[in-house]
Amino acid sequence: MNPTIDLHVHSTASDGIYKPSELIQIAYRSGISAIAIADHDSTEGIDEAVTAGTPLGIQVIPAVELSVEYKNYHDVHLLGYWIDHHDSEFCRKLDLFRQRRESRGLRIIDKINEKLSFEGKSTISSAEVLARADGALGRPHIARVLMDHGHAKTMQDAFTNYLMPCNVPKEYFNFDDALAEIKRIGGLAVLAHPQSISRNRTELAAIMSDMAAKGLDGLEALNTMGLDDDETFLQNLAKQLGLTVTGGSDFHGSEEGLTMGYGRGNLLLTHAILDNLNGIRGGRKEKSPAA
């Protein structure tokens, strides 16, 4: 078994640029044995990935990345692994959230078109953007269309000149509600790229301690936001709090120099990470009254 995995990958079901089946082909060519399709507030890409991955021997972990707010912190990302992605109530909540996300995207497009018109440039259409999004409309889809029209040379250029100044605030799940929902549908809850919340380690340790007390299962200590000794700090923090360590590239397909399974070449994502998560999952099943 190839030891390389990636537990944080996005498809066109949210804001990635590759279809789920295409992600499987990338994983296969890269020698990656397991991936988690963890789209933003969407599970629509999972079944396609499973179907494509099975004959190639690539394990697909059903996952989701929920956009949550925790106290005064916004856009905190909570990963759920081994979720029941067919649960009707969960799917209903995600569908409602996706509708709000799409409405936000359309409002962003309107604001961008106002800016483009002011600059004397051709506008973009919502149909063009929606054609790029198989599921939830994401800002990278808008960025790609801006690039197609020649209004931006790179994704970063599109975000800096249009998407950031024309942004519309997002809506979020409450952290406690999102955590409870992941648990309800049989999932394990992991905090994605903790550095996105705060770079202050004292502050981050306090946040992690509270989240662990609420029932958080793991910490994505191995991620592409790491600086200096972040990885060591987060691994030690996870150990102190009894949280399992996970890792992922947060691959969308649009990041310059970032590859699935390896990030920008500095990630070591081995099957041992997946084994640790499986251990927690197995232990929870044994404790279940229905087990």
Foldseek 3Di string as FASTA:
>chain_A
DQFFEFAAAEDLQAQFQHQLLVVLVQCLVVVHQEYEHAHELDQVRQVVNCVNNVVSNHHYWRKYWFFAAEDPFGRWTKMWTNFPRVPPVSVVVSVVLLVQQQVQVVQLLVLLQVVCVVVVHDGDDPVQLVVSRPHRRDPNSVLVVCVVRVVAVASVRCCVPRDVVSGDDGDGHYPLVVCVVSVVRLIAMEGEPLVVRDPPLVVSLVVVLVVLVSPHAAYALAELVDDDCSSVSRVVSCVVSVHQYAHRHNHRPRDPCQGGRQGNNPGDHTCVSVVVVVVVSVVVVVPDPVD
